[in-house]
Structures are given as C-alpha cells and as structure tokens.
Amino acid sequence: RAVDRVFEVLELKKKATNGQLLQR
C-alpha cells in the first residue's frame, strides 16, 4: 500500500503537470 501510494502521487503530479487534472 505504501509503495502503491508513491505511484499514485507520481501519476497525479504527472497529470497535473500536463494540465489534465488542473483543467478538471
């Protein structure tokens, strides 16, 4: 669960950087 959380955060940061999450 701890390691999966790291991957989740990295994916969210990637989407935010690409503007995907910030738009929605």
mmCIF file of all heavy atoms, coordinates in Angstrom:
data_MODEL
# 
_entry.id   MODEL 
# 
loop_
_atom_site.group_PDB 
_atom_site.id 
_atom_site.type_symbol 
_atom_site.label_atom_id 
_atom_site.label_alt_id 
_atom_site.label_comp_id 
_atom_site.label_asym_id 
_atom_site.label_entity_id 
_atom_site.label_seq_id 
_atom_site.pdbx_PDB_ins_code 
_atom_site.Cartn_x 
_atom_site.Cartn_y 
_atom_site.Cartn_z 
_atom_site.occupancy 
_atom_site.B_iso_or_equiv 
_atom_site.pdbx_formal_charge 
_atom_site.auth_seq_id 
_atom_site.auth_comp_id 
_atom_site.auth_asym_id 
_atom_site.auth_atom_id 
_atom_site.pdbx_PDB_model_num 
ATOM 1   N N   . ARG A 1 1  ? 0.837   -1.209 0.000   1.00 0.00 ? 1  ARG A N   1 
ATOM 2   C CA  . ARG A 1 1  ? 0.000   0.000  0.000   1.00 0.00 ? 1  ARG A CA  1 
ATOM 3   C C   . ARG A 1 1  ? 0.866   1.250  0.000   1.00 0.00 ? 1  ARG A C   1 
ATOM 4   O O   . ARG A 1 1  ? 0.579   2.236  -0.692  1.00 0.00 ? 1  ARG A O   1 
ATOM 5   C CB  . ARG A 1 1  ? -0.905  -0.009 1.248   1.00 0.00 ? 1  ARG A CB  1 
ATOM 6   C CG  . ARG A 1 1  ? -1.741  1.251  1.409   1.00 0.00 ? 1  ARG A CG  1 
ATOM 7   C CD  . ARG A 1 1  ? -2.881  1.267  0.404   1.00 0.00 ? 1  ARG A CD  1 
ATOM 8   N NE  . ARG A 1 1  ? -3.561  2.543  0.437   1.00 0.00 ? 1  ARG A NE  1 
ATOM 9   C CZ  . ARG A 1 1  ? -3.264  3.569  -0.363  1.00 0.00 ? 1  ARG A CZ  1 
ATOM 10  N NH1 . ARG A 1 1  ? -2.288  3.473  -1.246  1.00 0.00 ? 1  ARG A NH1 1 
ATOM 11  N NH2 . ARG A 1 1  ? -3.951  4.693  -0.286  1.00 0.00 ? 1  ARG A NH2 1 
ATOM 12  N N   . ALA A 1 2  ? 1.950   1.211  0.757   1.00 0.00 ? 2  ALA A N   1 
ATOM 13  C CA  . ALA A 1 2  ? 2.855   2.356  0.829   1.00 0.00 ? 2  ALA A CA  1 
ATOM 14  C C   . ALA A 1 2  ? 3.484   2.638  -0.529  1.00 0.00 ? 2  ALA A C   1 
ATOM 15  O O   . ALA A 1 2  ? 3.531   3.786  -0.990  1.00 0.00 ? 2  ALA A O   1 
ATOM 16  C CB  . ALA A 1 2  ? 3.929   2.103  1.879   1.00 0.00 ? 2  ALA A CB  1 
ATOM 17  N N   . VAL A 1 3  ? 3.969   1.589  -1.190  1.00 0.00 ? 3  VAL A N   1 
ATOM 18  C CA  . VAL A 1 3  ? 4.601   1.762  -2.493  1.00 0.00 ? 3  VAL A CA  1 
ATOM 19  C C   . VAL A 1 3  ? 3.571   2.197  -3.536  1.00 0.00 ? 3  VAL A C   1 
ATOM 20  O O   . VAL A 1 3  ? 3.835   3.070  -4.373  1.00 0.00 ? 3  VAL A O   1 
ATOM 21  C CB  . VAL A 1 3  ? 5.310   0.470  -2.928  1.00 0.00 ? 3  VAL A CB  1 
ATOM 22  C CG1 . VAL A 1 3  ? 5.873   0.604  -4.346  1.00 0.00 ? 3  VAL A CG1 1 
ATOM 23  C CG2 . VAL A 1 3  ? 6.427   0.125  -1.949  1.00 0.00 ? 3  VAL A CG2 1 
ATOM 24  N N   . ASP A 1 4  ? 2.384   1.611  -3.485  1.00 0.00 ? 4  ASP A N   1 
ATOM 25  C CA  . ASP A 1 4  ? 1.327   1.993  -4.426  1.00 0.00 ? 4  ASP A CA  1 
ATOM 26  C C   . ASP A 1 4  ? 0.984   3.471  -4.281  1.00 0.00 ? 4  ASP A C   1 
ATOM 27  O O   . ASP A 1 4  ? 0.688   4.156  -5.274  1.00 0.00 ? 4  ASP A O   1 
ATOM 28  C CB  . ASP A 1 4  ? 0.071   1.154  -4.195  1.00 0.00 ? 4  ASP A CB  1 
ATOM 29  C CG  . ASP A 1 4  ? 0.252   -0.294 -4.626  1.00 0.00 ? 4  ASP A CG  1 
ATOM 30  O OD1 . ASP A 1 4  ? 1.202   -0.572 -5.390  1.00 0.00 ? 4  ASP A OD1 1 
ATOM 31  O OD2 . ASP A 1 4  ? -0.542  -1.147 -4.191  1.00 0.00 ? 4  ASP A OD2 1 
ATOM 32  N N   . ARG A 1 5  ? 1.011   3.965  -3.048  1.00 0.00 ? 5  ARG A N   1 
ATOM 33  C CA  . ARG A 1 5  ? 0.712   5.381  -2.831  1.00 0.00 ? 5  ARG A CA  1 
ATOM 34  C C   . ARG A 1 5  ? 1.742   6.264  -3.537  1.00 0.00 ? 5  ARG A C   1 
ATOM 35  O O   . ARG A 1 5  ? 1.396   7.297  -4.110  1.00 0.00 ? 5  ARG A O   1 
ATOM 36  C CB  . ARG A 1 5  ? 0.688   5.706  -1.337  1.00 0.00 ? 5  ARG A CB  1 
ATOM 37  C CG  . ARG A 1 5  ? 0.701   7.206  -1.065  1.00 0.00 ? 5  ARG A CG  1 
ATOM 38  C CD  . ARG A 1 5  ? 0.402   7.535  0.357   1.00 0.00 ? 5  ARG A CD  1 
ATOM 39  N NE  . ARG A 1 5  ? -0.988  7.270  0.658   1.00 0.00 ? 5  ARG A NE  1 
ATOM 40  C CZ  . ARG A 1 5  ? -1.527  7.478  1.851   1.00 0.00 ? 5  ARG A CZ  1 
ATOM 41  N NH1 . ARG A 1 5  ? -0.789  7.915  2.834   1.00 0.00 ? 5  ARG A NH1 1 
ATOM 42  N NH2 . ARG A 1 5  ? -2.799  7.239  2.055   1.00 0.00 ? 5  ARG A NH2 1 
ATOM 43  N N   . VAL A 1 6  ? 2.993   5.859  -3.504  1.00 0.00 ? 6  VAL A N   1 
ATOM 44  C CA  . VAL A 1 6  ? 4.035   6.624  -4.193  1.00 0.00 ? 6  VAL A CA  1 
ATOM 45  C C   . VAL A 1 6  ? 3.716   6.722  -5.682  1.00 0.00 ? 6  VAL A C   1 
ATOM 46  O O   . VAL A 1 6  ? 3.777   7.798  -6.287  1.00 0.00 ? 6  VAL A O   1 
ATOM 47  C CB  . VAL A 1 6  ? 5.422   5.987  -3.985  1.00 0.00 ? 6  VAL A CB  1 
ATOM 48  C CG1 . VAL A 1 6  ? 6.473   6.723  -4.819  1.00 0.00 ? 6  VAL A CG1 1 
ATOM 49  C CG2 . VAL A 1 6  ? 5.801   6.013  -2.511  1.00 0.00 ? 6  VAL A CG2 1 
ATOM 50  N N   . PHE A 1 7  ? 3.338   5.596  -6.279  1.00 0.00 ? 7  PHE A N   1 
ATOM 51  C CA  . PHE A 1 7  ? 2.996   5.601  -7.701  1.00 0.00 ? 7  PHE A CA  1 
ATOM 52  C C   . PHE A 1 7  ? 1.758   6.459  -7.977  1.00 0.00 ? 7  PHE A C   1 
ATOM 53  O O   . PHE A 1 7  ? 1.689   7.156  -8.994  1.00 0.00 ? 7  PHE A O   1 
ATOM 54  C CB  . PHE A 1 7  ? 2.770   4.169  -8.201  1.00 0.00 ? 7  PHE A CB  1 
ATOM 55  C CG  . PHE A 1 7  ? 4.037   3.425  -8.483  1.00 0.00 ? 7  PHE A CG  1 
ATOM 56  C CD1 . PHE A 1 7  ? 4.519   2.471  -7.608  1.00 0.00 ? 7  PHE A CD1 1 
ATOM 57  C CD2 . PHE A 1 7  ? 4.771   3.694  -9.639  1.00 0.00 ? 7  PHE A CD2 1 
ATOM 58  C CE1 . PHE A 1 7  ? 5.699   1.787  -7.869  1.00 0.00 ? 7  PHE A CE1 1 
ATOM 59  C CE2 . PHE A 1 7  ? 5.952   3.012  -9.914  1.00 0.00 ? 7  PHE A CE2 1 
ATOM 60  C CZ  . PHE A 1 7  ? 6.415   2.062  -9.024  1.00 0.00 ? 7  PHE A CZ  1 
ATOM 61  N N   . GLU A 1 8  ? 0.787   6.420  -7.074  1.00 0.00 ? 8  GLU A N   1 
ATOM 62  C CA  . GLU A 1 8  ? -0.415  7.239  -7.239  1.00 0.00 ? 8  GLU A CA  1 
ATOM 63  C C   . GLU A 1 8  ? -0.068  8.724  -7.239  1.00 0.00 ? 8  GLU A C   1 
ATOM 64  O O   . GLU A 1 8  ? -0.562  9.490  -8.071  1.00 0.00 ? 8  GLU A O   1 
ATOM 65  C CB  . GLU A 1 8  ? -1.409  6.942  -6.119  1.00 0.00 ? 8  GLU A CB  1 
ATOM 66  C CG  . GLU A 1 8  ? -2.065  5.574  -6.216  1.00 0.00 ? 8  GLU A CG  1 
ATOM 67  C CD  . GLU A 1 8  ? -2.817  5.220  -4.942  1.00 0.00 ? 8  GLU A CD  1 
ATOM 68  O OE1 . GLU A 1 8  ? -2.902  6.074  -4.037  1.00 0.00 ? 8  GLU A OE1 1 
ATOM 69  O OE2 . GLU A 1 8  ? -3.329  4.094  -4.853  1.00 0.00 ? 8  GLU A OE2 1 
ATOM 70  N N   . VAL A 1 9  ? 0.767   9.126  -6.295  1.00 0.00 ? 9  VAL A N   1 
ATOM 71  C CA  . VAL A 1 9  ? 1.151   10.532 -6.198  1.00 0.00 ? 9  VAL A CA  1 
ATOM 72  C C   . VAL A 1 9  ? 1.935   10.960 -7.433  1.00 0.00 ? 9  VAL A C   1 
ATOM 73  O O   . VAL A 1 9  ? 1.715   12.051 -7.974  1.00 0.00 ? 9  VAL A O   1 
ATOM 74  C CB  . VAL A 1 9  ? 1.975   10.781 -4.915  1.00 0.00 ? 9  VAL A CB  1 
ATOM 75  C CG1 . VAL A 1 9  ? 2.533   12.205 -4.907  1.00 0.00 ? 9  VAL A CG1 1 
ATOM 76  C CG2 . VAL A 1 9  ? 1.124   10.550 -3.684  1.00 0.00 ? 9  VAL A CG2 1 
ATOM 77  N N   . LEU A 1 10 ? 2.835   10.110 -7.903  1.00 0.00 ? 10 LEU A N   1 
ATOM 78  C CA  . LEU A 1 10 ? 3.611   10.432 -9.097  1.00 0.00 ? 10 LEU A CA  1 
ATOM 79  C C   . LEU A 1 10 ? 2.704   10.595 -10.313 1.00 0.00 ? 10 LEU A C   1 
ATOM 80  O O   . LEU A 1 10 ? 2.919   11.484 -11.150 1.00 0.00 ? 10 LEU A O   1 
ATOM 81  C CB  . LEU A 1 10 ? 4.648   9.338  -9.360  1.00 0.00 ? 10 LEU A CB  1 
ATOM 82  C CG  . LEU A 1 10 ? 5.827   9.276  -8.384  1.00 0.00 ? 10 LEU A CG  1 
ATOM 83  C CD1 . LEU A 1 10 ? 6.677   8.037  -8.654  1.00 0.00 ? 10 LEU A CD1 1 
ATOM 84  C CD2 . LEU A 1 10 ? 6.680   10.531 -8.474  1.00 0.00 ? 10 LEU A CD2 1 
ATOM 85  N N   . GLU A 1 11 ? 1.687   9.746  -10.417 1.00 0.00 ? 11 GLU A N   1 
ATOM 86  C CA  . GLU A 1 11 ? 0.756   9.832  -11.539 1.00 0.00 ? 11 GLU A CA  1 
ATOM 87  C C   . GLU A 1 11 ? -0.068  11.115 -11.463 1.00 0.00 ? 11 GLU A C   1 
ATOM 88  O O   . GLU A 1 11 ? -0.300  11.784 -12.476 1.00 0.00 ? 11 GLU A O   1 
ATOM 89  C CB  . GLU A 1 11 ? -0.163  8.605  -11.549 1.00 0.00 ? 11 GLU A CB  1 
ATOM 90  C CG  . GLU A 1 11 ? -1.140  8.554  -12.713 1.00 0.00 ? 11 GLU A CG  1 
ATOM 91  C CD  . GLU A 1 11 ? -0.459  8.471  -14.070 1.00 0.00 ? 11 GLU A CD  1 
ATOM 92  O OE1 . GLU A 1 11 ? 0.708   8.027  -14.129 1.00 0.00 ? 11 GLU A OE1 1 
ATOM 93  O OE2 . GLU A 1 11 ? -1.087  8.854  -15.076 1.00 0.00 ? 11 GLU A OE2 1 
ATOM 94  N N   . LEU A 1 12 ? -0.499  11.469 -10.257 1.00 0.00 ? 12 LEU A N   1 
ATOM 95  C CA  . LEU A 1 12 ? -1.258  12.707 -10.083 1.00 0.00 ? 12 LEU A CA  1 
ATOM 96  C C   . LEU A 1 12 ? -0.409  13.924 -10.433 1.00 0.00 ? 12 LEU A C   1 
ATOM 97  O O   . LEU A 1 12 ? -0.888  14.866 -11.064 1.00 0.00 ? 12 LEU A O   1 
ATOM 98  C CB  . LEU A 1 12 ? -1.761  12.812 -8.637  1.00 0.00 ? 12 LEU A CB  1 
ATOM 99  C CG  . LEU A 1 12 ? -2.920  11.891 -8.267  1.00 0.00 ? 12 LEU A CG  1 
ATOM 100 C CD1 . LEU A 1 12 ? -3.125  11.900 -6.762  1.00 0.00 ? 12 LEU A CD1 1 
ATOM 101 C CD2 . LEU A 1 12 ? -4.193  12.331 -8.977  1.00 0.00 ? 12 LEU A CD2 1 
ATOM 102 N N   . LYS A 1 13 ? 0.853   13.896 -10.020 1.00 0.00 ? 13 LYS A N   1 
ATOM 103 C CA  . LYS A 1 13 ? 1.741   15.009 -10.345 1.00 0.00 ? 13 LYS A CA  1 
ATOM 104 C C   . LYS A 1 13 ? 1.962   15.105 -11.853 1.00 0.00 ? 13 LYS A C   1 
ATOM 105 O O   . LYS A 1 13 ? 2.020   16.203 -12.420 1.00 0.00 ? 13 LYS A O   1 
ATOM 106 C CB  . LYS A 1 13 ? 3.083   14.824 -9.633  1.00 0.00 ? 13 LYS A CB  1 
ATOM 107 C CG  . LYS A 1 13 ? 3.030   15.092 -8.138  1.00 0.00 ? 13 LYS A CG  1 
ATOM 108 C CD  . LYS A 1 13 ? 4.408   14.909 -7.509  1.00 0.00 ? 13 LYS A CD  1 
ATOM 109 C CE  . LYS A 1 13 ? 4.375   15.246 -6.030  1.00 0.00 ? 13 LYS A CE  1 
ATOM 110 N NZ  . LYS A 1 13 ? 5.695   15.056 -5.388  1.00 0.00 ? 13 LYS A NZ  1 
ATOM 111 N N   . LYS A 1 14 ? 2.072   13.952 -12.490 1.00 0.00 ? 14 LYS A N   1 
ATOM 112 C CA  . LYS A 1 14 ? 2.276   13.929 -13.941 1.00 0.00 ? 14 LYS A CA  1 
ATOM 113 C C   . LYS A 1 14 ? 1.069   14.522 -14.649 1.00 0.00 ? 14 LYS A C   1 
ATOM 114 O O   . LYS A 1 14 ? 1.207   15.344 -15.571 1.00 0.00 ? 14 LYS A O   1 
ATOM 115 C CB  . LYS A 1 14 ? 2.512   12.493 -14.400 1.00 0.00 ? 14 LYS A CB  1 
ATOM 116 C CG  . LYS A 1 14 ? 2.715   12.352 -15.902 1.00 0.00 ? 14 LYS A CG  1 
ATOM 117 C CD  . LYS A 1 14 ? 2.920   10.885 -16.262 1.00 0.00 ? 14 LYS A CD  1 
ATOM 118 C CE  . LYS A 1 14 ? 3.038   10.714 -17.777 1.00 0.00 ? 14 LYS A CE  1 
ATOM 119 N NZ  . LYS A 1 14 ? 3.206   9.284  -18.154 1.00 0.00 ? 14 LYS A NZ  1 
ATOM 120 N N   . LYS A 1 15 ? -0.122  14.127 -14.225 1.00 0.00 ? 15 LYS A N   1 
ATOM 121 C CA  . LYS A 1 15 ? -1.343  14.647 -14.839 1.00 0.00 ? 15 LYS A CA  1 
ATOM 122 C C   . LYS A 1 15 ? -1.490  16.146 -14.589 1.00 0.00 ? 15 LYS A C   1 
ATOM 123 O O   . LYS A 1 15 ? -1.927  16.895 -15.449 1.00 0.00 ? 15 LYS A O   1 
ATOM 124 C CB  . LYS A 1 15 ? -2.555  13.893 -14.311 1.00 0.00 ? 15 LYS A CB  1 
ATOM 125 C CG  . LYS A 1 15 ? -2.655  12.460 -14.805 1.00 0.00 ? 15 LYS A CG  1 
ATOM 126 C CD  . LYS A 1 15 ? -3.890  11.775 -14.278 1.00 0.00 ? 15 LYS A CD  1 
ATOM 127 C CE  . LYS A 1 15 ? -4.002  10.352 -14.813 1.00 0.00 ? 15 LYS A CE  1 
ATOM 128 N NZ  . LYS A 1 15 ? -5.199  9.660  -14.281 1.00 0.00 ? 15 LYS A NZ  1 
ATOM 129 N N   . ALA A 1 16 ? -1.142  16.549 -13.353 1.00 0.00 ? 16 ALA A N   1 
ATOM 130 C CA  . ALA A 1 16 ? -1.244  17.964 -13.031 1.00 0.00 ? 16 ALA A CA  1 
ATOM 131 C C   . ALA A 1 16 ? -0.283  18.778 -13.883 1.00 0.00 ? 16 ALA A C   1 
ATOM 132 O O   . ALA A 1 16 ? -0.609  19.862 -14.366 1.00 0.00 ? 16 ALA A O   1 
ATOM 133 C CB  . ALA A 1 16 ? -0.942  18.184 -11.548 1.00 0.00 ? 16 ALA A CB  1 
ATOM 134 N N   . THR A 1 17 ? 0.927   18.239 -14.095 1.00 0.00 ? 17 THR A N   1 
ATOM 135 C CA  . THR A 1 17 ? 1.926   18.916 -14.928 1.00 0.00 ? 17 THR A CA  1 
ATOM 136 C C   . THR A 1 17 ? 1.438   19.035 -16.365 1.00 0.00 ? 17 THR A C   1 
ATOM 137 O O   . THR A 1 17 ? 1.639   20.051 -17.030 1.00 0.00 ? 17 THR A O   1 
ATOM 138 C CB  . THR A 1 17 ? 3.259   18.150 -14.897 1.00 0.00 ? 17 THR A CB  1 
ATOM 139 O OG1 . THR A 1 17 ? 3.715   18.071 -13.554 1.00 0.00 ? 17 THR A OG1 1 
ATOM 140 C CG2 . THR A 1 17 ? 4.312   18.854 -15.733 1.00 0.00 ? 17 THR A CG2 1 
ATOM 141 N N   . ASN A 1 18 ? 0.764   17.997 -16.833 1.00 0.00 ? 18 ASN A N   1 
ATOM 142 C CA  . ASN A 1 18 ? 0.248   18.008 -18.199 1.00 0.00 ? 18 ASN A CA  1 
ATOM 143 C C   . ASN A 1 18 ? -1.032  18.813 -18.335 1.00 0.00 ? 18 ASN A C   1 
ATOM 144 O O   . ASN A 1 18 ? -1.564  18.969 -19.434 1.00 0.00 ? 18 ASN A O   1 
ATOM 145 C CB  . ASN A 1 18 ? -0.011  16.572 -18.681 1.00 0.00 ? 18 ASN A CB  1 
ATOM 146 C CG  . ASN A 1 18 ? 1.274   15.788 -18.828 1.00 0.00 ? 18 ASN A CG  1 
ATOM 147 O OD1 . ASN A 1 18 ? 2.338   16.369 -18.986 1.00 0.00 ? 18 ASN A OD1 1 
ATOM 148 N ND2 . ASN A 1 18 ? 1.187   14.467 -18.762 1.00 0.00 ? 18 ASN A ND2 1 
ATOM 149 N N   . GLY A 1 19 ? -1.560  19.295 -17.204 1.00 0.00 ? 19 GLY A N   1 
ATOM 150 C CA  . GLY A 1 19 ? -2.776  20.098 -17.243 1.00 0.00 ? 19 GLY A CA  1 
ATOM 151 C C   . GLY A 1 19 ? -4.059  19.299 -17.209 1.00 0.00 ? 19 GLY A C   1 
ATOM 152 O O   . GLY A 1 19 ? -5.145  19.856 -17.214 1.00 0.00 ? 19 GLY A O   1 
ATOM 153 N N   . GLN A 1 20 ? -3.954  17.950 -17.170 1.00 0.00 ? 20 GLN A N   1 
ATOM 154 C CA  . GLN A 1 20 ? -5.157  17.133 -17.220 1.00 0.00 ? 20 GLN A CA  1 
ATOM 155 C C   . GLN A 1 20 ? -6.024  17.319 -15.976 1.00 0.00 ? 20 GLN A C   1 
ATOM 156 O O   . GLN A 1 20 ? -7.235  17.488 -16.065 1.00 0.00 ? 20 GLN A O   1 
ATOM 157 C CB  . GLN A 1 20 ? -4.784  15.658 -17.367 1.00 0.00 ? 20 GLN A CB  1 
ATOM 158 C CG  . GLN A 1 20 ? -4.039  15.358 -18.661 1.00 0.00 ? 20 GLN A CG  1 
ATOM 159 C CD  . GLN A 1 20 ? -3.588  13.921 -18.728 1.00 0.00 ? 20 GLN A CD  1 
ATOM 160 O OE1 . GLN A 1 20 ? -4.193  13.039 -18.134 1.00 0.00 ? 20 GLN A OE1 1 
ATOM 161 N NE2 . GLN A 1 20 ? -2.510  13.664 -19.441 1.00 0.00 ? 20 GLN A NE2 1 
ATOM 162 N N   . LEU A 1 21 ? -5.384  17.264 -14.797 1.00 0.00 ? 21 LEU A N   1 
ATOM 163 C CA  . LEU A 1 21 ? -6.163  17.410 -13.574 1.00 0.00 ? 21 LEU A CA  1 
ATOM 164 C C   . LEU A 1 21 ? -6.523  18.865 -13.312 1.00 0.00 ? 21 LEU A C   1 
ATOM 165 O O   . LEU A 1 21 ? -7.610  19.152 -12.823 1.00 0.00 ? 21 LEU A O   1 
ATOM 166 C CB  . LEU A 1 21 ? -5.376  16.858 -12.386 1.00 0.00 ? 21 LEU A CB  1 
ATOM 167 C CG  . LEU A 1 21 ? -5.337  15.343 -12.273 1.00 0.00 ? 21 LEU A CG  1 
ATOM 168 C CD1 . LEU A 1 21 ? -4.512  14.947 -11.068 1.00 0.00 ? 21 LEU A CD1 1 
ATOM 169 C CD2 . LEU A 1 21 ? -6.737  14.764 -12.160 1.00 0.00 ? 21 LEU A CD2 1 
ATOM 170 N N   . LEU A 1 22 ? -5.639  19.767 -13.639 1.00 0.00 ? 22 LEU A N   1 
ATOM 171 C CA  . LEU A 1 22 ? -5.897  21.168 -13.337 1.00 0.00 ? 22 LEU A CA  1 
ATOM 172 C C   . LEU A 1 22 ? -7.092  21.680 -14.116 1.00 0.00 ? 22 LEU A C   1 
ATOM 173 O O   . LEU A 1 22 ? -7.830  22.544 -13.650 1.00 0.00 ? 22 LEU A O   1 
ATOM 174 C CB  . LEU A 1 22 ? -4.657  22.012 -13.661 1.00 0.00 ? 22 LEU A CB  1 
ATOM 175 C CG  . LEU A 1 22 ? -3.422  21.718 -12.808 1.00 0.00 ? 22 LEU A CG  1 
ATOM 176 C CD1 . LEU A 1 22 ? -2.291  22.668 -13.188 1.00 0.00 ? 22 LEU A CD1 1 
ATOM 177 C CD2 . LEU A 1 22 ? -3.737  21.890 -11.331 1.00 0.00 ? 22 LEU A CD2 1 
ATOM 178 N N   . GLN A 1 23 ? -7.316  21.156 -15.317 1.00 0.00 ? 23 GLN A N   1 
ATOM 179 C CA  . GLN A 1 23 ? -8.455  21.576 -16.108 1.00 0.00 ? 23 GLN A CA  1 
ATOM 180 C C   . GLN A 1 23 ? -9.758  21.051 -15.515 1.00 0.00 ? 23 GLN A C   1 
ATOM 181 O O   . GLN A 1 23 ? -10.764 21.742 -15.484 1.00 0.00 ? 23 GLN A O   1 
ATOM 182 C CB  . GLN A 1 23 ? -8.308  21.071 -17.546 1.00 0.00 ? 23 GLN A CB  1 
ATOM 183 C CG  . GLN A 1 23 ? -7.167  21.759 -18.305 1.00 0.00 ? 23 GLN A CG  1 
ATOM 184 C CD  . GLN A 1 23 ? -6.959  21.162 -19.670 1.00 0.00 ? 23 GLN A CD  1 
ATOM 185 O OE1 . GLN A 1 23 ? -7.754  20.354 -20.136 1.00 0.00 ? 23 GLN A OE1 1 
ATOM 186 N NE2 . GLN A 1 23 ? -5.875  21.542 -20.325 1.00 0.00 ? 23 GLN A NE2 1 
ATOM 187 N N   . ARG A 1 24 ? -9.733  19.829 -15.014 1.00 0.00 ? 24 ARG A N   1 
ATOM 188 C CA  . ARG A 1 24 ? -10.946 19.218 -14.484 1.00 0.00 ? 24 ARG A CA  1 
ATOM 189 C C   . ARG A 1 24 ? -11.197 19.593 -13.040 1.00 0.00 ? 24 ARG A C   1 
ATOM 190 O O   . ARG A 1 24 ? -12.338 19.742 -12.619 1.00 0.00 ? 24 ARG A O   1 
ATOM 191 C CB  . ARG A 1 24 ? -10.856 17.683 -14.594 1.00 0.00 ? 24 ARG A CB  1 
ATOM 192 C CG  . ARG A 1 24 ? -10.811 17.178 -16.011 1.00 0.00 ? 24 ARG A CG  1 
ATOM 193 C CD  . ARG A 1 24 ? -10.824 15.668 -16.027 1.00 0.00 ? 24 ARG A CD  1 
ATOM 194 N NE  . ARG A 1 24 ? -12.040 15.154 -15.410 1.00 0.00 ? 24 ARG A NE  1 
ATOM 195 C CZ  . ARG A 1 24 ? -12.184 13.898 -15.001 1.00 0.00 ? 24 ARG A CZ  1 
ATOM 196 N NH1 . ARG A 1 24 ? -11.180 13.064 -15.132 1.00 0.00 ? 24 ARG A NH1 1 
ATOM 197 N NH2 . ARG A 1 24 ? -13.303 13.503 -14.460 1.00 0.00 ? 24 ARG A NH2 1 
# 
